[in-house]
Amino acid sequence: MIDRPERADHPAIARLRVELDAAWKSMRTLAEVDDDLRARIIAELRGAVPDMAGRAAHEAGHQAVVAEIRRFADIDVDATDAERPTCAIWGEIVDMASVAAMAAAHDPAPVTGARR
């Protein structure tokens, strides 16, 4: 789907790429599922993708993460069904992921477990 960079990436970027690729593929299949399942898929993606982006930004730096997200943001999602605004939803997901990555740049320490 996406051309991979020639250079070796940080493992967090590689994990983010897998998450973004899976999310993109999920978006392309939304028209094929019923409304309840569709809503659950969208809710999961709206939480999981930004979460992964924030974690990756803590590990690999926000600039590399935002660059990876932008590569995926530029991909067209099938928008043939006017009743299901897939492009808008994909745009929201990658925008939220970018915001999460940028927020990680201003958060010095990620939460890594329960407080004691």
PDB file of N, CA and C in Angstrom:
ATOM      1  N   MET A   1       0.810  -1.173   0.000  1.00  0.00           N
ATOM      2  CA  MET A   1       0.000   0.000   0.000  1.00  0.00           C
ATOM      3  C   MET A   1       0.860   1.245   0.000  1.00  0.00           C
ATOM      4  N   ILE A   2       1.759   1.357   0.939  1.00  0.00           N
ATOM      5  CA  ILE A   2       2.627   2.512   1.069  1.00  0.00           C
ATOM      6  C   ILE A   2       4.055   2.068   0.786  1.00  0.00           C
ATOM      7  N   ASP A   3       4.778   2.874   0.051  1.00  0.00           N
ATOM      8  CA  ASP A   3       6.199   2.572  -0.150  1.00  0.00           C
ATOM      9  C   ASP A   3       6.931   2.799   1.151  1.00  0.00           C
ATOM     10  N   ARG A   4       7.712   1.834   1.516  1.00  0.00           N
ATOM     11  CA  ARG A   4       8.474   1.959   2.759  1.00  0.00           C
ATOM     12  C   ARG A   4       9.764   2.710   2.490  1.00  0.00           C
ATOM     13  N   PRO A   5      10.209   3.518   3.445  1.00  0.00           N
ATOM     14  CA  PRO A   5      11.470   4.230   3.271  1.00  0.00           C
ATOM     15  C   PRO A   5      12.632   3.263   3.133  1.00  0.00           C
ATOM     16  N   GLU A   6      13.663   3.701   2.449  1.00  0.00           N
ATOM     17  CA  GLU A   6      14.848   2.865   2.245  1.00  0.00           C
ATOM     18  C   GLU A   6      15.623   2.670   3.548  1.00  0.00           C
ATOM     19  N   ARG A   7      15.567   3.645   4.441  1.00  0.00           N
ATOM     20  CA  ARG A   7      16.353   3.584   5.666  1.00  0.00           C
ATOM     21  C   ARG A   7      15.661   2.716   6.713  1.00  0.00           C
ATOM     22  N   ALA A   8      16.438   2.267   7.676  1.00  0.00           N
ATOM     23  CA  ALA A   8      15.871   1.503   8.781  1.00  0.00           C
ATOM     24  C   ALA A   8      15.229   2.480   9.758  1.00  0.00           C
ATOM     25  N   ASP A   9      14.014   2.184  10.148  1.00  0.00           N
ATOM     26  CA  ASP A   9      13.291   3.052  11.071  1.00  0.00           C
ATOM     27  C   ASP A   9      13.423   2.564  12.495  1.00  0.00           C
ATOM     28  N   HIS A  10      13.148   3.478  13.402  1.00  0.00           N
ATOM     29  CA  HIS A  10      13.053   3.140  14.816  1.00  0.00           C
ATOM     30  C   HIS A  10      11.941   2.098  14.958  1.00  0.00           C
ATOM     31  N   PRO A  11      12.092   1.134  15.854  1.00  0.00           N
ATOM     32  CA  PRO A  11      11.043   0.112  16.027  1.00  0.00           C
ATOM     33  C   PRO A  11       9.658   0.705  16.325  1.00  0.00           C
ATOM     34  N   ALA A  12       9.614   1.825  17.038  1.00  0.00           N
ATOM     35  CA  ALA A  12       8.323   2.456  17.327  1.00  0.00           C
ATOM     36  C   ALA A  12       7.663   2.974  16.057  1.00  0.00           C
ATOM     37  N   ILE A  13       8.450   3.445  15.115  1.00  0.00           N
ATOM     38  CA  ILE A  13       7.913   3.910  13.832  1.00  0.00           C
ATOM     39  C   ILE A  13       7.403   2.719  13.034  1.00  0.00           C
ATOM     40  N   ALA A  14       8.132   1.626  13.084  1.00  0.00           N
ATOM     41  CA  ALA A  14       7.692   0.413  12.384  1.00  0.00           C
ATOM     42  C   ALA A  14       6.366  -0.086  12.952  1.00  0.00           C
ATOM     43  N   ARG A  15       6.219  -0.065  14.278  1.00  0.00           N
ATOM     44  CA  ARG A  15       4.956  -0.485  14.903  1.00  0.00           C
ATOM     45  C   ARG A  15       3.824   0.464  14.520  1.00  0.00           C
ATOM     46  N   LEU A  16       4.124   1.762  14.511  1.00  0.00           N
ATOM     47  CA  LEU A  16       3.116   2.751  14.108  1.00  0.00           C
ATOM     48  C   LEU A  16       2.689   2.512  12.665  1.00  0.00           C
ATOM     49  N   ARG A  17       3.633   2.217  11.804  1.00  0.00           N
ATOM     50  CA  ARG A  17       3.317   1.964  10.395  1.00  0.00           C
ATOM     51  C   ARG A  17       2.359   0.773  10.261  1.00  0.00           C
ATOM     52  N   VAL A  18       2.591  -0.264  11.041  1.00  0.00           N
ATOM     53  CA  VAL A  18       1.705  -1.430  11.007  1.00  0.00           C
ATOM     54  C   VAL A  18       0.307  -1.028  11.484  1.00  0.00           C
ATOM     55  N   GLU A  19       0.231  -0.247  12.536  1.00  0.00           N
ATOM     56  CA  GLU A  19      -1.059   0.209  13.071  1.00  0.00           C
ATOM     57  C   GLU A  19      -1.794   1.077  12.048  1.00  0.00           C
ATOM     58  N   LEU A  20      -1.073   1.997  11.434  1.00  0.00           N
ATOM     59  CA  LEU A  20      -1.692   2.869  10.425  1.00  0.00           C
ATOM     60  C   LEU A  20      -2.152   2.076   9.211  1.00  0.00           C
ATOM     61  N   ASP A  21      -1.362   1.115   8.792  1.00  0.00           N
ATOM     62  CA  ASP A  21      -1.733   0.288   7.651  1.00  0.00           C
ATOM     63  C   ASP A  21      -2.997  -0.512   7.960  1.00  0.00           C
ATOM     64  N   ALA A  22      -3.067  -1.097   9.137  1.00  0.00           N
ATOM     65  CA  ALA A  22      -4.258  -1.855   9.533  1.00  0.00           C
ATOM     66  C   ALA A  22      -5.477  -0.940   9.627  1.00  0.00           C
ATOM     67  N   ALA A  23      -5.282   0.255  10.160  1.00  0.00           N
ATOM     68  CA  ALA A  23      -6.385   1.214  10.267  1.00  0.00           C
ATOM     69  C   ALA A  23      -6.877   1.620   8.882  1.00  0.00           C
ATOM     70  N   TRP A  24      -5.956   1.883   7.993  1.00  0.00           N
ATOM     71  CA  TRP A  24      -6.325   2.275   6.630  1.00  0.00           C
ATOM     72  C   TRP A  24      -7.113   1.162   5.954  1.00  0.00           C
ATOM     73  N   LYS A  25      -6.658  -0.070   6.114  1.00  0.00           N
ATOM     74  CA  LYS A  25      -7.373  -1.204   5.523  1.00  0.00           C
ATOM     75  C   LYS A  25      -8.750  -1.364   6.146  1.00  0.00           C
ATOM     76  N   SER A  26      -8.868  -1.122   7.435  1.00  0.00           N
ATOM     77  CA  SER A  26     -10.170  -1.177   8.098  1.00  0.00           C
ATOM     78  C   SER A  26     -11.115  -0.123   7.544  1.00  0.00           C
ATOM     79  N   MET A  27     -10.597   1.054   7.290  1.00  0.00           N
ATOM     80  CA  MET A  27     -11.424   2.127   6.743  1.00  0.00           C
ATOM     81  C   MET A  27     -11.978   1.749   5.378  1.00  0.00           C
ATOM     82  N   ARG A  28     -11.206   1.046   4.601  1.00  0.00           N
ATOM     83  CA  ARG A  28     -11.639   0.671   3.251  1.00  0.00           C
ATOM     84  C   ARG A  28     -12.744  -0.376   3.267  1.00  0.00           C
ATOM     85  N   THR A  29     -12.938  -1.058   4.390  1.00  0.00           N
ATOM     86  CA  THR A  29     -13.962  -2.094   4.468  1.00  0.00           C
ATOM     87  C   THR A  29     -15.207  -1.654   5.226  1.00  0.00           C
ATOM     88  N   LEU A  30     -15.266  -0.424   5.672  1.00  0.00           N
ATOM     89  CA  LEU A  30     -16.401   0.027   6.488  1.00  0.00           C
ATOM     90  C   LEU A  30     -17.744  -0.112   5.779  1.00  0.00           C
ATOM     91  N   ALA A  31     -17.790   0.110   4.503  1.00  0.00           N
ATOM     92  CA  ALA A  31     -19.056   0.033   3.764  1.00  0.00           C
ATOM     93  C   ALA A  31     -19.605  -1.392   3.728  1.00  0.00           C
ATOM     94  N   GLU A  32     -18.769  -2.371   4.021  1.00  0.00           N
ATOM     95  CA  GLU A  32     -19.179  -3.773   3.930  1.00  0.00           C
ATOM     96  C   GLU A  32     -19.757  -4.322   5.230  1.00  0.00           C
ATOM     97  N   VAL A  33     -19.726  -3.552   6.310  1.00  0.00           N
ATOM     98  CA  VAL A  33     -20.179  -4.062   7.606  1.00  0.00           C
ATOM     99  C   VAL A  33     -21.436  -3.322   8.047  1.00  0.00           C
ATOM    100  N   ASP A  34     -22.180  -3.955   8.969  1.00  0.00           N
ATOM    101  CA  ASP A  34     -23.401  -3.315   9.453  1.00  0.00           C
ATOM    102  C   ASP A  34     -23.059  -2.126  10.356  1.00  0.00           C
ATOM    103  N   ASP A  35     -24.041  -1.314  10.633  1.00  0.00           N
ATOM    104  CA  ASP A  35     -23.826  -0.051  11.345  1.00  0.00           C
ATOM    105  C   ASP A  35     -23.237  -0.231  12.740  1.00  0.00           C
ATOM    106  N   ASP A  36     -23.690  -1.258  13.487  1.00  0.00           N
ATOM    107  CA  ASP A  36     -23.167  -1.467  14.842  1.00  0.00           C
ATOM    108  C   ASP A  36     -21.688  -1.814  14.823  1.00  0.00           C
ATOM    109  N   LEU A  37     -21.314  -2.730  13.953  1.00  0.00           N
ATOM    110  CA  LEU A  37     -19.903  -3.108  13.850  1.00  0.00           C
ATOM    111  C   LEU A  37     -19.078  -1.934  13.332  1.00  0.00           C
ATOM    112  N   ARG A  38     -19.619  -1.207  12.393  1.00  0.00           N
ATOM    113  CA  ARG A  38     -18.932  -0.041  11.840  1.00  0.00           C
ATOM    114  C   ARG A  38     -18.626   0.969  12.943  1.00  0.00           C
ATOM    115  N   ALA A  39     -19.605   1.226  13.796  1.00  0.00           N
ATOM    116  CA  ALA A  39     -19.415   2.179  14.898  1.00  0.00           C
ATOM    117  C   ALA A  39     -18.329   1.698  15.853  1.00  0.00           C
ATOM    118  N   ARG A  40     -18.292   0.393  16.135  1.00  0.00           N
ATOM    119  CA  ARG A  40     -17.258  -0.148  17.030  1.00  0.00           C
ATOM    120  C   ARG A  40     -15.877  -0.048  16.400  1.00  0.00           C
ATOM    121  N   ILE A  41     -15.787  -0.320  15.093  1.00  0.00           N
ATOM    122  CA  ILE A  41     -14.496  -0.213  14.402  1.00  0.00           C
ATOM    123  C   ILE A  41     -13.988   1.219  14.449  1.00  0.00           C
ATOM    124  N   ILE A  42     -14.861   2.157  14.149  1.00  0.00           N
ATOM    125  CA  ILE A  42     -14.455   3.570  14.150  1.00  0.00           C
ATOM    126  C   ILE A  42     -14.027   4.004  15.543  1.00  0.00           C
ATOM    127  N   ALA A  43     -14.787   3.614  16.555  1.00  0.00           N
ATOM    128  CA  ALA A  43     -14.426   3.979  17.934  1.00  0.00           C
ATOM    129  C   ALA A  43     -13.063   3.406  18.308  1.00  0.00           C
ATOM    130  N   GLU A  44     -12.818   2.158  17.933  1.00  0.00           N
ATOM    131  CA  GLU A  44     -11.519   1.533  18.230  1.00  0.00           C
ATOM    132  C   GLU A  44     -10.383   2.265  17.535  1.00  0.00           C
ATOM    133  N   LEU A  45     -10.582   2.602  16.270  1.00  0.00           N
ATOM    134  CA  LEU A  45      -9.537   3.300  15.524  1.00  0.00           C
ATOM    135  C   LEU A  45      -9.283   4.692  16.084  1.00  0.00           C
ATOM    136  N   ARG A  46     -10.338   5.377  16.493  1.00  0.00           N
ATOM    137  CA  ARG A  46     -10.188   6.724  17.055  1.00  0.00           C
ATOM    138  C   ARG A  46      -9.408   6.707  18.365  1.00  0.00           C
ATOM    139  N   GLY A  47      -9.402   5.580  19.055  1.00  0.00           N
ATOM    140  CA  GLY A  47      -8.625   5.473  20.281  1.00  0.00           C
ATOM    141  C   GLY A  47      -7.243   4.870  20.067  1.00  0.00           C
ATOM    142  N   ALA A  48      -7.193   3.809  19.288  1.00  0.00           N
ATOM    143  CA  ALA A  48      -5.946   3.050  19.148  1.00  0.00           C
ATOM    144  C   ALA A  48      -4.879   3.775  18.343  1.00  0.00           C
ATOM    145  N   VAL A  49      -5.267   4.402  17.242  1.00  0.00           N
ATOM    146  CA  VAL A  49      -4.261   5.037  16.383  1.00  0.00           C
ATOM    147  C   VAL A  49      -3.588   6.223  17.094  1.00  0.00           C
ATOM    148  N   PRO A  50      -4.356   7.147  17.692  1.00  0.00           N
ATOM    149  CA  PRO A  50      -3.681   8.232  18.428  1.00  0.00           C
ATOM    150  C   PRO A  50      -2.850   7.726  19.605  1.00  0.00           C
ATOM    151  N   ASP A  51      -3.322   6.683  20.286  1.00  0.00           N
ATOM    152  CA  ASP A  51      -2.556   6.111  21.390  1.00  0.00           C
ATOM    153  C   ASP A  51      -1.207   5.593  20.907  1.00  0.00           C
ATOM    154  N   MET A  52      -1.221   4.868  19.813  1.00  0.00           N
ATOM    155  CA  MET A  52       0.024   4.347  19.245  1.00  0.00           C
ATOM    156  C   MET A  52       0.929   5.493  18.794  1.00  0.00           C
ATOM    157  N   ALA A  53       0.343   6.531  18.226  1.00  0.00           N
ATOM    158  CA  ALA A  53       1.143   7.678  17.776  1.00  0.00           C
ATOM    159  C   ALA A  53       1.818   8.376  18.953  1.00  0.00           C
ATOM    160  N   GLY A  54       1.094   8.539  20.039  1.00  0.00           N
ATOM    161  CA  GLY A  54       1.679   9.163  21.221  1.00  0.00           C
ATOM    162  C   GLY A  54       2.812   8.338  21.800  1.00  0.00           C
ATOM    163  N   ARG A  55       2.610   7.039  21.873  1.00  0.00           N
ATOM    164  CA  ARG A  55       3.660   6.157  22.388  1.00  0.00           C
ATOM    165  C   ARG A  55       4.894   6.190  21.482  1.00  0.00           C
ATOM    166  N   ALA A  56       4.646   6.138  20.177  1.00  0.00           N
ATOM    167  CA  ALA A  56       5.772   6.166  19.238  1.00  0.00           C
ATOM    168  C   ALA A  56       6.534   7.482  19.341  1.00  0.00           C
ATOM    169  N   ALA A  57       5.817   8.578  19.546  1.00  0.00           N
ATOM    170  CA  ALA A  57       6.475   9.879  19.655  1.00  0.00           C
ATOM    171  C   ALA A  57       7.371   9.950  20.889  1.00  0.00           C
ATOM    172  N   HIS A  58       6.939   9.323  21.971  1.00  0.00           N
ATOM    173  CA  HIS A  58       7.783   9.281  23.168  1.00  0.00           C
ATOM    174  C   HIS A  58       9.068   8.506  22.907  1.00  0.00           C
ATOM    175  N   GLU A  59       8.972   7.454  22.095  1.00  0.00           N
ATOM    176  CA  GLU A  59      10.125   6.601  21.838  1.00  0.00           C
ATOM    177  C   GLU A  59      11.012   7.102  20.702  1.00  0.00           C
ATOM    178  N   ALA A  60      10.387   7.595  19.634  1.00  0.00           N
ATOM    179  CA  ALA A  60      11.145   7.911  18.422  1.00  0.00           C
ATOM    180  C   ALA A  60      11.196   9.401  18.094  1.00  0.00           C
ATOM    181  N   GLY A  61      10.459  10.198  18.828  1.00  0.00           N
ATOM    182  CA  GLY A  61      10.418  11.634  18.555  1.00  0.00           C
ATOM    183  C   GLY A  61       9.195  12.002  17.725  1.00  0.00           C
ATOM    184  N   HIS A  62       8.608  13.124  18.048  1.00  0.00           N
ATOM    185  CA  HIS A  62       7.354  13.508  17.408  1.00  0.00           C
ATOM    186  C   HIS A  62       7.506  13.836  15.924  1.00  0.00           C
ATOM    187  N   GLN A  63       8.648  14.347  15.517  1.00  0.00           N
ATOM    188  CA  GLN A  63       8.803  14.717  14.105  1.00  0.00           C
ATOM    189  C   GLN A  63       8.742  13.492  13.191  1.00  0.00           C
ATOM    190  N   ALA A  64       9.408  12.425  13.579  1.00  0.00           N
ATOM    191  CA  ALA A  64       9.375  11.202  12.773  1.00  0.00           C
ATOM    192  C   ALA A  64       7.971  10.606  12.742  1.00  0.00           C
ATOM    193  N   VAL A  65       7.275  10.682  13.864  1.00  0.00           N
ATOM    194  CA  VAL A  65       5.920  10.135  13.937  1.00  0.00           C
ATOM    195  C   VAL A  65       4.965  10.944  13.067  1.00  0.00           C
ATOM    196  N   VAL A  66       5.031  12.259  13.170  1.00  0.00           N
ATOM    197  CA  VAL A  66       4.154  13.106  12.358  1.00  0.00           C
ATOM    198  C   VAL A  66       4.442  12.898  10.871  1.00  0.00           C
ATOM    199  N   ALA A  67       5.697  12.735  10.508  1.00  0.00           N
ATOM    200  CA  ALA A  67       6.042  12.485   9.105  1.00  0.00           C
ATOM    201  C   ALA A  67       5.417  11.176   8.624  1.00  0.00           C
ATOM    202  N   GLU A  68       5.457  10.150   9.446  1.00  0.00           N
ATOM    203  CA  GLU A  68       4.849   8.861   9.076  1.00  0.00           C
ATOM    204  C   GLU A  68       3.337   8.992   8.952  1.00  0.00           C
ATOM    205  N   ILE A  69       2.727   9.693   9.880  1.00  0.00           N
ATOM    206  CA  ILE A  69       1.276   9.892   9.825  1.00  0.00           C
ATOM    207  C   ILE A  69       0.892  10.650   8.556  1.00  0.00           C
ATOM    208  N   ARG A  70       1.668  11.656   8.197  1.00  0.00           N
ATOM    209  CA  ARG A  70       1.375  12.424   6.980  1.00  0.00           C
ATOM    210  C   ARG A  70       1.432  11.560   5.732  1.00  0.00           C
ATOM    211  N   ARG A  71       2.338  10.604   5.705  1.00  0.00           N
ATOM    212  CA  ARG A  71       2.409   9.693   4.556  1.00  0.00           C
ATOM    213  C   ARG A  71       1.096   8.944   4.400  1.00  0.00           C
ATOM    214  N   PHE A  72       0.522   8.518   5.509  1.00  0.00           N
ATOM    215  CA  PHE A  72      -0.743   7.798   5.460  1.00  0.00           C
ATOM    216  C   PHE A  72      -1.926   8.740   5.255  1.00  0.00           C
ATOM    217  N   ALA A  73      -1.822   9.944   5.733  1.00  0.00           N
ATOM    218  CA  ALA A  73      -2.924  10.905   5.583  1.00  0.00           C
ATOM    219  C   ALA A  73      -3.154  11.256   4.122  1.00  0.00           C
ATOM    220  N   ASP A  74      -2.121  11.161   3.331  1.00  0.00           N
ATOM    221  CA  ASP A  74      -2.227  11.515   1.912  1.00  0.00           C
ATOM    222  C   ASP A  74      -2.865  10.428   1.060  1.00  0.00           C
ATOM    223  N   ILE A  75      -3.111   9.267   1.627  1.00  0.00           N
ATOM    224  CA  ILE A  75      -3.701   8.161   0.872  1.00  0.00           C
ATOM    225  C   ILE A  75      -5.205   8.371   0.790  1.00  0.00           C
ATOM    226  N   ASP A  76      -5.747   8.180  -0.391  1.00  0.00           N
ATOM    227  CA  ASP A  76      -7.192   8.290  -0.571  1.00  0.00           C
ATOM    228  C   ASP A  76      -7.880   7.046  -0.022  1.00  0.00           C
ATOM    229  N   VAL A  77      -8.983   7.290   0.649  1.00  0.00           N
ATOM    230  CA  VAL A  77      -9.848   6.219   1.114  1.00  0.00           C
ATOM    231  C   VAL A  77     -11.076   6.258   0.220  1.00  0.00           C
ATOM    232  N   ASP A  78     -11.582   5.116  -0.143  1.00  0.00           N
ATOM    233  CA  ASP A  78     -12.749   5.051  -1.023  1.00  0.00           C
ATOM    234  C   ASP A  78     -13.903   5.841  -0.411  1.00  0.00           C
ATOM    235  N   ALA A  79     -14.359   6.824  -1.137  1.00  0.00           N
ATOM    236  CA  ALA A  79     -15.430   7.692  -0.643  1.00  0.00           C
ATOM    237  C   ALA A  79     -16.648   7.611  -1.545  1.00  0.00           C
ATOM    238  N   THR A  80     -16.907   6.464  -2.099  1.00  0.00           N
ATOM    239  CA  THR A  80     -18.009   6.336  -3.048  1.00  0.00           C
ATOM    240  C   THR A  80     -19.377   6.337  -2.378  1.00  0.00           C
ATOM    241  N   ASP A  81     -19.440   6.034  -1.095  1.00  0.00           N
ATOM    242  CA  ASP A  81     -20.715   5.996  -0.389  1.00  0.00           C
ATOM    243  C   ASP A  81     -20.916   7.318   0.339  1.00  0.00           C
ATOM    244  N   ALA A  82     -21.817   8.144  -0.169  1.00  0.00           N
ATOM    245  CA  ALA A  82     -22.040   9.477   0.404  1.00  0.00           C
ATOM    246  C   ALA A  82     -22.617   9.419   1.812  1.00  0.00           C
ATOM    247  N   GLU A  83     -23.299   8.319   2.154  1.00  0.00           N
ATOM    248  CA  GLU A  83     -23.889   8.203   3.484  1.00  0.00           C
ATOM    249  C   GLU A  83     -22.857   7.849   4.549  1.00  0.00           C
ATOM    250  N   ARG A  84     -21.726   7.381   4.127  1.00  0.00           N
ATOM    251  CA  ARG A  84     -20.670   6.995   5.066  1.00  0.00           C
ATOM    252  C   ARG A  84     -19.414   7.796   4.725  1.00  0.00           C
ATOM    253  N   PRO A  85     -19.204   8.892   5.416  1.00  0.00           N
ATOM    254  CA  PRO A  85     -18.086   9.795   5.074  1.00  0.00           C
ATOM    255  C   PRO A  85     -16.721   9.242   5.491  1.00  0.00           C
ATOM    256  N   THR A  86     -16.292   8.217   4.798  1.00  0.00           N
ATOM    257  CA  THR A  86     -15.055   7.527   5.161  1.00  0.00           C
ATOM    258  C   THR A  86     -13.848   8.453   5.124  1.00  0.00           C
ATOM    259  N   CYS A  87     -13.764   9.308   4.117  1.00  0.00           N
ATOM    260  CA  CYS A  87     -12.619  10.228   4.020  1.00  0.00           C
ATOM    261  C   CYS A  87     -12.556  11.162   5.226  1.00  0.00           C
ATOM    262  N   ALA A  88     -13.705  11.641   5.643  1.00  0.00           N
ATOM    263  CA  ALA A  88     -13.741  12.542   6.798  1.00  0.00           C
ATOM    264  C   ALA A  88     -13.316  11.812   8.070  1.00  0.00           C
ATOM    265  N   ILE A  89     -13.777  10.583   8.224  1.00  0.00           N
ATOM    266  CA  ILE A  89     -13.406   9.802   9.408  1.00  0.00           C
ATOM    267  C   ILE A  89     -11.905   9.521   9.403  1.00  0.00           C
ATOM    268  N   TRP A  90     -11.363   9.120   8.256  1.00  0.00           N
ATOM    269  CA  TRP A  90      -9.921   8.878   8.158  1.00  0.00           C
ATOM    270  C   TRP A  90      -9.156  10.161   8.479  1.00  0.00           C
ATOM    271  N   GLY A  91      -9.636  11.277   7.972  1.00  0.00           N
ATOM    272  CA  GLY A  91      -8.999  12.558   8.270  1.00  0.00           C
ATOM    273  C   GLY A  91      -8.984  12.858   9.760  1.00  0.00           C
ATOM    274  N   GLU A  92     -10.099  12.580  10.436  1.00  0.00           N
ATOM    275  CA  GLU A  92     -10.164  12.786  11.886  1.00  0.00           C
ATOM    276  C   GLU A  92      -9.158  11.896  12.616  1.00  0.00           C
ATOM    277  N   ILE A  93      -9.075  10.649  12.190  1.00  0.00           N
ATOM    278  CA  ILE A  93      -8.182   9.701  12.863  1.00  0.00           C
ATOM    279  C   ILE A  93      -6.729  10.127  12.713  1.00  0.00           C
ATOM    280  N   VAL A  94      -6.309  10.485  11.499  1.00  0.00           N
ATOM    281  CA  VAL A  94      -4.906  10.884  11.328  1.00  0.00           C
ATOM    282  C   VAL A  94      -4.640  12.245  11.970  1.00  0.00           C
ATOM    283  N   ASP A  95      -5.640  13.130  11.993  1.00  0.00           N
ATOM    284  CA  ASP A  95      -5.466  14.404  12.701  1.00  0.00           C
ATOM    285  C   ASP A  95      -5.287  14.172  14.202  1.00  0.00           C
ATOM    286  N   MET A  96      -6.113  13.293  14.776  1.00  0.00           N
ATOM    287  CA  MET A  96      -5.982  12.997  16.204  1.00  0.00           C
ATOM    288  C   MET A  96      -4.638  12.337  16.497  1.00  0.00           C
ATOM    289  N   ALA A  97      -4.172  11.506  15.596  1.00  0.00           N
ATOM    290  CA  ALA A  97      -2.869  10.862  15.780  1.00  0.00           C
ATOM    291  C   ALA A  97      -1.750  11.904  15.761  1.00  0.00           C
ATOM    292  N   SER A  98      -1.845  12.868  14.853  1.00  0.00           N
ATOM    293  CA  SER A  98      -0.836  13.935  14.791  1.00  0.00           C
ATOM    294  C   SER A  98      -0.841  14.769  16.056  1.00  0.00           C
ATOM    295  N   VAL A  99      -2.035  15.079  16.550  1.00  0.00           N
ATOM    296  CA  VAL A  99      -2.149  15.856  17.794  1.00  0.00           C
ATOM    297  C   VAL A  99      -1.534  15.078  18.954  1.00  0.00           C
ATOM    298  N   ALA A 100      -1.805  13.781  19.009  1.00  0.00           N
ATOM    299  CA  ALA A 100      -1.236  12.954  20.076  1.00  0.00           C
ATOM    300  C   ALA A 100       0.287  12.933  20.005  1.00  0.00           C
ATOM    301  N   ALA A 101       0.824  12.853  18.802  1.00  0.00           N
ATOM    302  CA  ALA A 101       2.282  12.856  18.641  1.00  0.00           C
ATOM    303  C   ALA A 101       2.869  14.196  19.067  1.00  0.00           C
ATOM    304  N   MET A 102       2.225  15.268  18.684  1.00  0.00           N
ATOM    305  CA  MET A 102       2.717  16.596  19.066  1.00  0.00           C
ATOM    306  C   MET A 102       2.607  16.802  20.571  1.00  0.00           C
ATOM    307  N   ALA A 103       1.541  16.306  21.175  1.00  0.00           N
ATOM    308  CA  ALA A 103       1.379  16.429  22.622  1.00  0.00           C
ATOM    309  C   ALA A 103       2.485  15.682  23.357  1.00  0.00           C
ATOM    310  N   ALA A 104       2.912  14.567  22.802  1.00  0.00           N
ATOM    311  CA  ALA A 104       3.987  13.795  23.423  1.00  0.00           C
ATOM    312  C   ALA A 104       5.287  14.590  23.464  1.00  0.00           C
ATOM    313  N   ALA A 105       5.455  15.512  22.527  1.00  0.00           N
ATOM    314  CA  ALA A 105       6.663  16.340  22.507  1.00  0.00           C
ATOM    315  C   ALA A 105       6.704  17.277  23.704  1.00  0.00           C
ATOM    316  N   HIS A 106       5.534  17.580  24.256  1.00  0.00           N
ATOM    317  CA  HIS A 106       5.449  18.510  25.382  1.00  0.00           C
ATOM    318  C   HIS A 106       5.236  17.809  26.710  1.00  0.00           C
ATOM    319  N   ASP A 107       5.117  16.493  26.682  1.00  0.00           N
ATOM    320  CA  ASP A 107       4.915  15.695  27.875  1.00  0.00           C
ATOM    321  C   ASP A 107       6.210  14.946  28.163  1.00  0.00           C
ATOM    322  N   PRO A 108       6.943  15.334  29.192  1.00  0.00           N
ATOM    323  CA  PRO A 108       8.269  14.752  29.408  1.00  0.00           C
ATOM    324  C   PRO A 108       8.296  13.271  29.768  1.00  0.00           C
ATOM    325  N   ALA A 109       7.242  12.736  30.350  1.00  0.00           N
ATOM    326  CA  ALA A 109       7.293  11.337  30.772  1.00  0.00           C
ATOM    327  C   ALA A 109       5.964  10.651  30.471  1.00  0.00           C
ATOM    328  N   PRO A 110       5.991   9.600  29.663  1.00  0.00           N
ATOM    329  CA  PRO A 110       4.760   8.867  29.397  1.00  0.00           C
ATOM    330  C   PRO A 110       4.307   8.091  30.625  1.00  0.00           C
ATOM    331  N   VAL A 111       3.030   7.838  30.728  1.00  0.00           N
ATOM    332  CA  VAL A 111       2.508   7.005  31.796  1.00  0.00           C
ATOM    333  C   VAL A 111       2.809   5.570  31.418  1.00  0.00           C
ATOM    334  N   THR A 112       3.496   4.858  32.305  1.00  0.00           N
ATOM    335  CA  THR A 112       3.912   3.508  31.960  1.00  0.00           C
ATOM    336  C   THR A 112       3.287   2.439  32.846  1.00  0.00           C
ATOM    337  N   GLY A 113       2.480   2.814  33.788  1.00  0.00           N
ATOM    338  CA  GLY A 113       1.856   1.803  34.639  1.00  0.00           C
ATOM    339  C   GLY A 113       1.030   2.452  35.711  1.00  0.00           C
ATOM    340  N   ALA A 114       0.437   1.626  36.512  1.00  0.00           N
ATOM    341  CA  ALA A 114      -0.426   2.108  37.589  1.00  0.00           C
ATOM    342  C   ALA A 114       0.411   2.794  38.663  1.00  0.00           C
ATOM    343  N   ARG A 115      -0.172   3.787  39.267  1.00  0.00           N
ATOM    344  CA  ARG A 115       0.497   4.465  40.386  1.00  0.00           C
ATOM    345  C   ARG A 115       0.382   3.617  41.633  1.00  0.00           C
ATOM    346  N   ARG A 116       1.387   3.732  42.427  1.00  0.00           N
ATOM    347  CA  ARG A 116       1.374   2.955  43.680  1.00  0.00           C
ATOM    348  C   ARG A 116       1.278   3.864  44.853  1.00  0.00           C
TER     349      ARG A 116
END
